[in-house]
Amino acid sequence: SLGCVELNLTDAAHAWPYLTYGSLVTVERGALTPAGSPTA
């Protein structure tokens, strides 16, 4: 991209309702090992 975080259509549609106003977004270098498992 030219600076944005791009997703495919399905993932973007799923992410958008969660990313409401005030939600924090972190961009970090390196691998991420998040706790837990993805949940629909």
PDB file of all heavy atoms in Angstrom:
ATOM      1  N   SER A   1       0.821  -1.209   0.000  1.00  0.00           N
ATOM      2  CA  SER A   1       0.000   0.000   0.000  1.00  0.00           C
ATOM      3  C   SER A   1       0.858   1.262   0.000  1.00  0.00           C
ATOM      4  O   SER A   1       2.097   1.206   0.058  1.00  0.00           O
ATOM      5  CB  SER A   1      -0.921   0.016   1.223  1.00  0.00           C
ATOM      6  OG  SER A   1      -0.198   0.384   2.386  1.00  0.00           O
ATOM      7  N   LEU A   2       0.181   2.406  -0.017  1.00  0.00           N
ATOM      8  CA  LEU A   2       0.850   3.701   0.092  1.00  0.00           C
ATOM      9  C   LEU A   2       0.658   4.283   1.498  1.00  0.00           C
ATOM     10  O   LEU A   2       0.508   5.482   1.675  1.00  0.00           O
ATOM     11  CB  LEU A   2       0.311   4.670  -0.963  1.00  0.00           C
ATOM     12  CG  LEU A   2       0.569   4.281  -2.416  1.00  0.00           C
ATOM     13  CD1 LEU A   2      -0.008   5.329  -3.359  1.00  0.00           C
ATOM     14  CD2 LEU A   2       2.061   4.090  -2.681  1.00  0.00           C
ATOM     15  N   GLY A   3       0.652   3.405   2.492  1.00  0.00           N
ATOM     16  CA  GLY A   3       0.554   3.828   3.884  1.00  0.00           C
ATOM     17  C   GLY A   3      -0.633   3.271   4.627  1.00  0.00           C
ATOM     18  O   GLY A   3      -0.655   3.305   5.866  1.00  0.00           O
ATOM     19  N   CYS A   4      -1.622   2.778   3.910  1.00  0.00           N
ATOM     20  CA  CYS A   4      -2.808   2.228   4.567  1.00  0.00           C
ATOM     21  C   CYS A   4      -2.610   0.764   4.938  1.00  0.00           C
ATOM     22  O   CYS A   4      -1.635   0.122   4.543  1.00  0.00           O
ATOM     23  CB  CYS A   4      -4.024   2.367   3.659  1.00  0.00           C
ATOM     24  SG  CYS A   4      -4.605   4.068   3.479  1.00  0.00           S
ATOM     25  N   VAL A   5      -3.564   0.249   5.723  1.00  0.00           N
ATOM     26  CA  VAL A   5      -3.614  -1.168   6.046  1.00  0.00           C
ATOM     27  C   VAL A   5      -4.731  -1.767   5.202  1.00  0.00           C
ATOM     28  O   VAL A   5      -5.914  -1.501   5.443  1.00  0.00           O
ATOM     29  CB  VAL A   5      -3.886  -1.391   7.551  1.00  0.00           C
ATOM     30  CG1 VAL A   5      -3.986  -2.883   7.855  1.00  0.00           C
ATOM     31  CG2 VAL A   5      -2.792  -0.742   8.402  1.00  0.00           C
ATOM     32  N   GLU A   6      -4.345  -2.524   4.190  1.00  0.00           N
ATOM     33  CA  GLU A   6      -5.315  -3.054   3.227  1.00  0.00           C
ATOM     34  C   GLU A   6      -5.747  -4.467   3.600  1.00  0.00           C
ATOM     35  O   GLU A   6      -4.938  -5.283   4.060  1.00  0.00           O
ATOM     36  CB  GLU A   6      -4.704  -3.066   1.825  1.00  0.00           C
ATOM     37  CG  GLU A   6      -4.333  -1.690   1.303  1.00  0.00           C
ATOM     38  CD  GLU A   6      -3.599  -1.752  -0.017  1.00  0.00           C
ATOM     39  OE1 GLU A   6      -3.109  -2.852  -0.399  1.00  0.00           O
ATOM     40  OE2 GLU A   6      -3.498  -0.699  -0.677  1.00  0.00           O
ATOM     41  N   LEU A   7      -7.035  -4.751   3.370  1.00  0.00           N
ATOM     42  CA  LEU A   7      -7.613  -6.072   3.598  1.00  0.00           C
ATOM     43  C   LEU A   7      -8.401  -6.485   2.369  1.00  0.00           C
ATOM     44  O   LEU A   7      -8.804  -5.644   1.554  1.00  0.00           O
ATOM     45  CB  LEU A   7      -8.561  -6.033   4.810  1.00  0.00           C
ATOM     46  CG  LEU A   7      -7.995  -5.573   6.159  1.00  0.00           C
ATOM     47  CD1 LEU A   7      -9.126  -5.443   7.175  1.00  0.00           C
ATOM     48  CD2 LEU A   7      -6.925  -6.527   6.661  1.00  0.00           C
ATOM     49  N   ASN A   8      -8.644  -7.790   2.264  1.00  0.00           N
ATOM     50  CA  ASN A   8      -9.551  -8.221   1.197  1.00  0.00           C
ATOM     51  C   ASN A   8     -10.974  -7.841   1.573  1.00  0.00           C
ATOM     52  O   ASN A   8     -11.242  -7.394   2.696  1.00  0.00           O
ATOM     53  CB  ASN A   8      -9.406  -9.724   0.906  1.00  0.00           C
ATOM     54  CG  ASN A   8      -9.851 -10.600   2.071  1.00  0.00           C
ATOM     55  OD1 ASN A   8     -10.854 -10.321   2.745  1.00  0.00           O
ATOM     56  ND2 ASN A   8      -9.107 -11.665   2.333  1.00  0.00           N
ATOM     57  N   LEU A   9     -11.913  -7.999   0.656  1.00  0.00           N
ATOM     58  CA  LEU A   9     -13.268  -7.494   0.861  1.00  0.00           C
ATOM     59  C   LEU A   9     -13.953  -8.163   2.047  1.00  0.00           C
ATOM     60  O   LEU A   9     -14.575  -7.485   2.885  1.00  0.00           O
ATOM     61  CB  LEU A   9     -14.095  -7.710  -0.407  1.00  0.00           C
ATOM     62  CG  LEU A   9     -15.528  -7.166  -0.367  1.00  0.00           C
ATOM     63  CD1 LEU A   9     -15.521  -5.655  -0.122  1.00  0.00           C
ATOM     64  CD2 LEU A   9     -16.276  -7.509  -1.659  1.00  0.00           C
ATOM     65  N   THR A  10     -13.830  -9.472   2.166  1.00  0.00           N
ATOM     66  CA  THR A  10     -14.498 -10.181   3.264  1.00  0.00           C
ATOM     67  C   THR A  10     -13.955  -9.753   4.620  1.00  0.00           C
ATOM     68  O   THR A  10     -14.713  -9.476   5.559  1.00  0.00           O
ATOM     69  CB  THR A  10     -14.338 -11.701   3.088  1.00  0.00           C
ATOM     70  OG1 THR A  10     -14.926 -12.098   1.841  1.00  0.00           O
ATOM     71  CG2 THR A  10     -15.010 -12.455   4.227  1.00  0.00           C
ATOM     72  N   ASP A  11     -12.631  -9.671   4.734  1.00  0.00           N
ATOM     73  CA  ASP A  11     -12.025  -9.301   6.013  1.00  0.00           C
ATOM     74  C   ASP A  11     -12.301  -7.836   6.367  1.00  0.00           C
ATOM     75  O   ASP A  11     -12.511  -7.493   7.540  1.00  0.00           O
ATOM     76  CB  ASP A  11     -10.517  -9.547   5.961  1.00  0.00           C
ATOM     77  CG  ASP A  11     -10.178 -11.030   5.930  1.00  0.00           C
ATOM     78  OD1 ASP A  11     -11.025 -11.839   6.363  1.00  0.00           O
ATOM     79  OD2 ASP A  11      -9.076 -11.384   5.466  1.00  0.00           O
ATOM     80  N   ALA A  12     -12.307  -6.962   5.343  1.00  0.00           N
ATOM     81  CA  ALA A  12     -12.597  -5.543   5.596  1.00  0.00           C
ATOM     82  C   ALA A  12     -14.028  -5.361   6.075  1.00  0.00           C
ATOM     83  O   ALA A  12     -14.303  -4.555   6.986  1.00  0.00           O
ATOM     84  CB  ALA A  12     -12.347  -4.725   4.341  1.00  0.00           C
ATOM     85  N   ALA A  13     -14.962  -6.088   5.468  1.00  0.00           N
ATOM     86  CA  ALA A  13     -16.365  -6.002   5.874  1.00  0.00           C
ATOM     87  C   ALA A  13     -16.549  -6.506   7.304  1.00  0.00           C
ATOM     88  O   ALA A  13     -17.367  -5.973   8.067  1.00  0.00           O
ATOM     89  CB  ALA A  13     -17.235  -6.807   4.914  1.00  0.00           C
ATOM     90  N   HIS A  14     -15.765  -7.509   7.684  1.00  0.00           N
ATOM     91  CA  HIS A  14     -15.861  -8.044   9.030  1.00  0.00           C
ATOM     92  C   HIS A  14     -15.218  -7.113  10.054  1.00  0.00           C
ATOM     93  O   HIS A  14     -15.700  -6.968  11.192  1.00  0.00           O
ATOM     94  CB  HIS A  14     -15.184  -9.417   9.080  1.00  0.00           C
ATOM     95  CG  HIS A  14     -15.368 -10.136  10.383  1.00  0.00           C
ATOM     96  ND1 HIS A  14     -14.409 -10.138  11.375  1.00  0.00           N
ATOM     97  CD2 HIS A  14     -16.413 -10.861  10.866  1.00  0.00           C
ATOM     98  CE1 HIS A  14     -14.848 -10.840  12.412  1.00  0.00           C
ATOM     99  NE2 HIS A  14     -16.060 -11.291  12.128  1.00  0.00           N
ATOM    100  N   ALA A  15     -14.140  -6.441   9.678  1.00  0.00           N
ATOM    101  CA  ALA A  15     -13.405  -5.578  10.607  1.00  0.00           C
ATOM    102  C   ALA A  15     -14.120  -4.253  10.862  1.00  0.00           C
ATOM    103  O   ALA A  15     -14.059  -3.709  11.973  1.00  0.00           O
ATOM    104  CB  ALA A  15     -12.001  -5.306  10.064  1.00  0.00           C
ATOM    105  N   TRP A  16     -14.796  -3.721   9.834  1.00  0.00           N
ATOM    106  CA  TRP A  16     -15.319  -2.356   9.900  1.00  0.00           C
ATOM    107  C   TRP A  16     -16.282  -2.105  11.067  1.00  0.00           C
ATOM    108  O   TRP A  16     -16.174  -1.072  11.745  1.00  0.00           O
ATOM    109  CB  TRP A  16     -15.990  -1.999   8.570  1.00  0.00           C
ATOM    110  CG  TRP A  16     -16.222  -0.539   8.381  1.00  0.00           C
ATOM    111  CD1 TRP A  16     -15.290   0.437   8.210  1.00  0.00           C
ATOM    112  CD2 TRP A  16     -17.499   0.117   8.333  1.00  0.00           C
ATOM    113  NE1 TRP A  16     -15.886   1.667   8.049  1.00  0.00           N
ATOM    114  CE2 TRP A  16     -17.248   1.496   8.124  1.00  0.00           C
ATOM    115  CE3 TRP A  16     -18.815  -0.317   8.437  1.00  0.00           C
ATOM    116  CZ2 TRP A  16     -18.268   2.434   8.030  1.00  0.00           C
ATOM    117  CZ3 TRP A  16     -19.822   0.625   8.350  1.00  0.00           C
ATOM    118  CH2 TRP A  16     -19.562   1.983   8.138  1.00  0.00           C
ATOM    119  N   PRO A  17     -17.215  -2.992  11.386  1.00  0.00           N
ATOM    120  CA  PRO A  17     -18.120  -2.731  12.523  1.00  0.00           C
ATOM    121  C   PRO A  17     -17.408  -2.662  13.870  1.00  0.00           C
ATOM    122  O   PRO A  17     -17.904  -2.021  14.802  1.00  0.00           O
ATOM    123  CB  PRO A  17     -19.095  -3.914  12.481  1.00  0.00           C
ATOM    124  CG  PRO A  17     -19.019  -4.428  11.093  1.00  0.00           C
ATOM    125  CD  PRO A  17     -17.607  -4.226  10.672  1.00  0.00           C
ATOM    126  N   TYR A  18     -16.252  -3.304  13.980  1.00  0.00           N
ATOM    127  CA  TYR A  18     -15.506  -3.263  15.232  1.00  0.00           C
ATOM    128  C   TYR A  18     -14.671  -1.994  15.363  1.00  0.00           C
ATOM    129  O   TYR A  18     -14.471  -1.486  16.474  1.00  0.00           O
ATOM    130  CB  TYR A  18     -14.585  -4.482  15.337  1.00  0.00           C
ATOM    131  CG  TYR A  18     -15.323  -5.790  15.487  1.00  0.00           C
ATOM    132  CD1 TYR A  18     -15.315  -6.742  14.462  1.00  0.00           C
ATOM    133  CD2 TYR A  18     -16.029  -6.078  16.652  1.00  0.00           C
ATOM    134  CE1 TYR A  18     -15.989  -7.943  14.592  1.00  0.00           C
ATOM    135  CE2 TYR A  18     -16.714  -7.280  16.791  1.00  0.00           C
ATOM    136  CZ  TYR A  18     -16.687  -8.208  15.760  1.00  0.00           C
ATOM    137  OH  TYR A  18     -17.368  -9.389  15.898  1.00  0.00           O
ATOM    138  N   LEU A  19     -14.157  -1.489  14.235  1.00  0.00           N
ATOM    139  CA  LEU A  19     -13.274  -0.323  14.266  1.00  0.00           C
ATOM    140  C   LEU A  19     -14.103   0.960  14.324  1.00  0.00           C
ATOM    141  O   LEU A  19     -14.134   1.754  13.387  1.00  0.00           O
ATOM    142  CB  LEU A  19     -12.338  -0.344  13.051  1.00  0.00           C
ATOM    143  CG  LEU A  19     -11.387  -1.537  13.000  1.00  0.00           C
ATOM    144  CD1 LEU A  19     -10.564  -1.519  11.712  1.00  0.00           C
ATOM    145  CD2 LEU A  19     -10.464  -1.556  14.216  1.00  0.00           C
ATOM    146  N   THR A  20     -14.776   1.146  15.430  1.00  0.00           N
ATOM    147  CA  THR A  20     -15.623   2.326  15.628  1.00  0.00           C
ATOM    148  C   THR A  20     -14.761   3.498  16.105  1.00  0.00           C
ATOM    149  O   THR A  20     -13.566   3.354  16.393  1.00  0.00           O
ATOM    150  CB  THR A  20     -16.727   2.022  16.647  1.00  0.00           C
ATOM    151  OG1 THR A  20     -16.130   1.488  17.838  1.00  0.00           O
ATOM    152  CG2 THR A  20     -17.699   0.997  16.079  1.00  0.00           C
ATOM    153  N   TYR A  21     -15.378   4.669  16.201  1.00  0.00           N
ATOM    154  CA  TYR A  21     -14.651   5.872  16.596  1.00  0.00           C
ATOM    155  C   TYR A  21     -13.999   5.693  17.969  1.00  0.00           C
ATOM    156  O   TYR A  21     -14.619   5.206  18.909  1.00  0.00           O
ATOM    157  CB  TYR A  21     -15.586   7.069  16.630  1.00  0.00           C
ATOM    158  CG  TYR A  21     -16.047   7.506  15.260  1.00  0.00           C
ATOM    159  CD1 TYR A  21     -17.367   7.320  14.853  1.00  0.00           C
ATOM    160  CD2 TYR A  21     -15.151   8.097  14.369  1.00  0.00           C
ATOM    161  CE1 TYR A  21     -17.789   7.724  13.592  1.00  0.00           C
ATOM    162  CE2 TYR A  21     -15.560   8.500  13.104  1.00  0.00           C
ATOM    163  CZ  TYR A  21     -16.886   8.308  12.724  1.00  0.00           C
ATOM    164  OH  TYR A  21     -17.285   8.699  11.476  1.00  0.00           O
ATOM    165  N   GLY A  22     -12.730   6.079  18.033  1.00  0.00           N
ATOM    166  CA  GLY A  22     -11.980   5.976  19.276  1.00  0.00           C
ATOM    167  C   GLY A  22     -11.227   4.683  19.442  1.00  0.00           C
ATOM    168  O   GLY A  22     -10.382   4.579  20.348  1.00  0.00           O
ATOM    169  N   SER A  23     -11.496   3.677  18.604  1.00  0.00           N
ATOM    170  CA  SER A  23     -10.777   2.410  18.712  1.00  0.00           C
ATOM    171  C   SER A  23      -9.299   2.631  18.401  1.00  0.00           C
ATOM    172  O   SER A  23      -8.951   3.280  17.411  1.00  0.00           O
ATOM    173  CB  SER A  23     -11.363   1.384  17.733  1.00  0.00           C
ATOM    174  OG  SER A  23     -12.720   1.130  18.023  1.00  0.00           O
ATOM    175  N   LEU A  24      -8.427   2.097  19.222  1.00  0.00           N
ATOM    176  CA  LEU A  24      -6.994   2.262  19.006  1.00  0.00           C
ATOM    177  C   LEU A  24      -6.478   1.251  17.993  1.00  0.00           C
ATOM    178  O   LEU A  24      -6.819   0.063  18.054  1.00  0.00           O
ATOM    179  CB  LEU A  24      -6.230   2.107  20.322  1.00  0.00           C
ATOM    180  CG  LEU A  24      -6.543   3.119  21.422  1.00  0.00           C
ATOM    181  CD1 LEU A  24      -5.625   2.891  22.625  1.00  0.00           C
ATOM    182  CD2 LEU A  24      -6.407   4.550  20.917  1.00  0.00           C
ATOM    183  N   VAL A  25      -5.636   1.742  17.084  1.00  0.00           N
ATOM    184  CA  VAL A  25      -4.991   0.892  16.082  1.00  0.00           C
ATOM    185  C   VAL A  25      -3.487   1.073  16.231  1.00  0.00           C
ATOM    186  O   VAL A  25      -2.973   2.203  16.156  1.00  0.00           O
ATOM    187  CB  VAL A  25      -5.426   1.262  14.659  1.00  0.00           C
ATOM    188  CG1 VAL A  25      -4.685   0.401  13.639  1.00  0.00           C
ATOM    189  CG2 VAL A  25      -6.930   1.107  14.489  1.00  0.00           C
ATOM    190  N   THR A  26      -2.786  -0.026  16.444  1.00  0.00           N
ATOM    191  CA  THR A  26      -1.328  -0.005  16.570  1.00  0.00           C
ATOM    192  C   THR A  26      -0.701  -0.615  15.320  1.00  0.00           C
ATOM    193  O   THR A  26      -1.139  -1.673  14.859  1.00  0.00           O
ATOM    194  CB  THR A  26      -0.866  -0.798  17.806  1.00  0.00           C
ATOM    195  OG1 THR A  26      -1.322  -0.127  18.986  1.00  0.00           O
ATOM    196  CG2 THR A  26       0.645  -0.923  17.858  1.00  0.00           C
ATOM    197  N   VAL A  27       0.303   0.045  14.791  1.00  0.00           N
ATOM    198  CA  VAL A  27       1.125  -0.510  13.717  1.00  0.00           C
ATOM    199  C   VAL A  27       2.489  -0.781  14.326  1.00  0.00           C
ATOM    200  O   VAL A  27       3.131   0.134  14.871  1.00  0.00           O
ATOM    201  CB  VAL A  27       1.255   0.464  12.533  1.00  0.00           C
ATOM    202  CG1 VAL A  27       2.177  -0.124  11.458  1.00  0.00           C
ATOM    203  CG2 VAL A  27      -0.111   0.777  11.943  1.00  0.00           C
ATOM    204  N   GLU A  28       2.919  -2.037  14.293  1.00  0.00           N
ATOM    205  CA  GLU A  28       4.196  -2.386  14.913  1.00  0.00           C
ATOM    206  C   GLU A  28       5.010  -3.283  14.003  1.00  0.00           C
ATOM    207  O   GLU A  28       4.470  -4.029  13.176  1.00  0.00           O
ATOM    208  CB  GLU A  28       3.976  -3.068  16.260  1.00  0.00           C
ATOM    209  CG  GLU A  28       3.293  -4.418  16.196  1.00  0.00           C
ATOM    210  CD  GLU A  28       3.169  -5.070  17.565  1.00  0.00           C
ATOM    211  OE1 GLU A  28       3.177  -4.341  18.570  1.00  0.00           O
ATOM    212  OE2 GLU A  28       3.073  -6.305  17.616  1.00  0.00           O
ATOM    213  N   ARG A  29       6.312  -3.187  14.153  1.00  0.00           N
ATOM    214  CA  ARG A  29       7.220  -4.043  13.391  1.00  0.00           C
ATOM    215  C   ARG A  29       7.426  -5.354  14.121  1.00  0.00           C
ATOM    216  O   ARG A  29       7.408  -5.404  15.348  1.00  0.00           O
ATOM    217  CB  ARG A  29       8.567  -3.340  13.193  1.00  0.00           C
ATOM    218  CG  ARG A  29       8.476  -2.099  12.326  1.00  0.00           C
ATOM    219  CD  ARG A  29       9.874  -1.607  11.961  1.00  0.00           C
ATOM    220  NE  ARG A  29       9.783  -0.464  11.055  1.00  0.00           N
ATOM    221  CZ  ARG A  29       9.833   0.801  11.438  1.00  0.00           C
ATOM    222  NH1 ARG A  29       9.972   1.086  12.725  1.00  0.00           N
ATOM    223  NH2 ARG A  29       9.750   1.780  10.563  1.00  0.00           N
ATOM    224  N   GLY A  30       7.632  -6.405  13.375  1.00  0.00           N
ATOM    225  CA  GLY A  30       7.911  -7.696  13.976  1.00  0.00           C
ATOM    226  C   GLY A  30       6.681  -8.564  14.100  1.00  0.00           C
ATOM    227  O   GLY A  30       5.547  -8.129  13.891  1.00  0.00           O
ATOM    228  N   ALA A  31       6.939  -9.812  14.482  1.00  0.00           N
ATOM    229  CA  ALA A  31       5.863 -10.802  14.581  1.00  0.00           C
ATOM    230  C   ALA A  31       5.022 -10.534  15.820  1.00  0.00           C
ATOM    231  O   ALA A  31       5.496 -10.023  16.827  1.00  0.00           O
ATOM    232  CB  ALA A  31       6.441 -12.206  14.636  1.00  0.00           C
ATOM    233  N   LEU A  32       3.755 -10.883  15.728  1.00  0.00           N
ATOM    234  CA  LEU A  32       2.816 -10.733  16.839  1.00  0.00           C
ATOM    235  C   LEU A  32       2.291 -12.102  17.210  1.00  0.00           C
ATOM    236  O   LEU A  32       1.898 -12.899  16.355  1.00  0.00           O
ATOM    237  CB  LEU A  32       1.656  -9.825  16.440  1.00  0.00           C
ATOM    238  CG  LEU A  32       0.504  -9.721  17.427  1.00  0.00           C
ATOM    239  CD1 LEU A  32       0.945  -8.951  18.671  1.00  0.00           C
ATOM    240  CD2 LEU A  32      -0.692  -9.040  16.787  1.00  0.00           C
ATOM    241  N   THR A  33       2.323 -12.402  18.490  1.00  0.00           N
ATOM    242  CA  THR A  33       1.759 -13.673  18.966  1.00  0.00           C
ATOM    243  C   THR A  33       0.626 -13.350  19.905  1.00  0.00           C
ATOM    244  O   THR A  33       0.794 -13.258  21.131  1.00  0.00           O
ATOM    245  CB  THR A  33       2.818 -14.503  19.681  1.00  0.00           C
ATOM    246  OG1 THR A  33       3.949 -14.663  18.835  1.00  0.00           O
ATOM    247  CG2 THR A  33       2.269 -15.889  20.034  1.00  0.00           C
ATOM    248  N   PRO A  34      -0.572 -13.093  19.394  1.00  0.00           N
ATOM    249  CA  PRO A  34      -1.684 -12.695  20.258  1.00  0.00           C
ATOM    250  C   PRO A  34      -2.212 -13.832  21.089  1.00  0.00           C
ATOM    251  O   PRO A  34      -2.093 -15.006  20.718  1.00  0.00           O
ATOM    252  CB  PRO A  34      -2.742 -12.225  19.245  1.00  0.00           C
ATOM    253  CG  PRO A  34      -2.438 -13.013  18.017  1.00  0.00           C
ATOM    254  CD  PRO A  34      -0.954 -13.195  17.979  1.00  0.00           C
ATOM    255  N   ALA A  35      -2.743 -13.487  22.239  1.00  0.00           N
ATOM    256  CA  ALA A  35      -3.347 -14.473  23.116  1.00  0.00           C
ATOM    257  C   ALA A  35      -4.730 -14.854  22.602  1.00  0.00           C
ATOM    258  O   ALA A  35      -5.443 -14.035  22.013  1.00  0.00           O
ATOM    259  CB  ALA A  35      -3.440 -13.932  24.527  1.00  0.00           C
ATOM    260  N   GLY A  36      -5.084 -16.092  22.794  1.00  0.00           N
ATOM    261  CA  GLY A  36      -6.435 -16.520  22.419  1.00  0.00           C
ATOM    262  C   GLY A  36      -6.514 -16.967  20.983  1.00  0.00           C
ATOM    263  O   GLY A  36      -5.528 -17.032  20.243  1.00  0.00           O
ATOM    264  N   SER A  37      -7.724 -17.220  20.553  1.00  0.00           N
ATOM    265  CA  SER A  37      -7.965 -17.697  19.200  1.00  0.00           C
ATOM    266  C   SER A  37      -9.015 -16.827  18.530  1.00  0.00           C
ATOM    267  O   SER A  37      -9.905 -16.301  19.197  1.00  0.00           O
ATOM    268  CB  SER A  37      -8.459 -19.146  19.223  1.00  0.00           C
ATOM    269  OG  SER A  37      -7.519 -19.973  19.866  1.00  0.00           O
ATOM    270  N   PRO A  38      -8.900 -16.649  17.213  1.00  0.00           N
ATOM    271  CA  PRO A  38      -9.912 -15.849  16.518  1.00  0.00           C
ATOM    272  C   PRO A  38     -11.306 -16.411  16.722  1.00  0.00           C
ATOM    273  O   PRO A  38     -11.496 -17.633  16.759  1.00  0.00           O
ATOM    274  CB  PRO A  38      -9.476 -15.934  15.056  1.00  0.00           C
ATOM    275  CG  PRO A  38      -8.030 -16.279  15.102  1.00  0.00           C
ATOM    276  CD  PRO A  38      -7.856 -17.152  16.310  1.00  0.00           C
ATOM    277  N   THR A  39     -12.263 -15.519  16.876  1.00  0.00           N
ATOM    278  CA  THR A  39     -13.651 -15.915  17.066  1.00  0.00           C
ATOM    279  C   THR A  39     -14.517 -15.126  16.104  1.00  0.00           C
ATOM    280  O   THR A  39     -14.367 -13.927  15.987  1.00  0.00           O
ATOM    281  CB  THR A  39     -14.114 -15.638  18.500  1.00  0.00           C
ATOM    282  OG1 THR A  39     -13.218 -16.283  19.411  1.00  0.00           O
ATOM    283  CG2 THR A  39     -15.508 -16.183  18.733  1.00  0.00           C
ATOM    284  N   ALA A  40     -15.398 -15.770  15.419  1.00  0.00           N
ATOM    285  CA  ALA A  40     -16.245 -15.090  14.443  1.00  0.00           C
ATOM    286  C   ALA A  40     -17.167 -14.134  15.144  1.00  0.00           C
ATOM    287  O   ALA A  40     -17.575 -14.385  16.269  1.00  0.00           O
ATOM    288  CB  ALA A  40     -17.039 -16.095  13.646  1.00  0.00           C
TER     289      ALA A  40
END
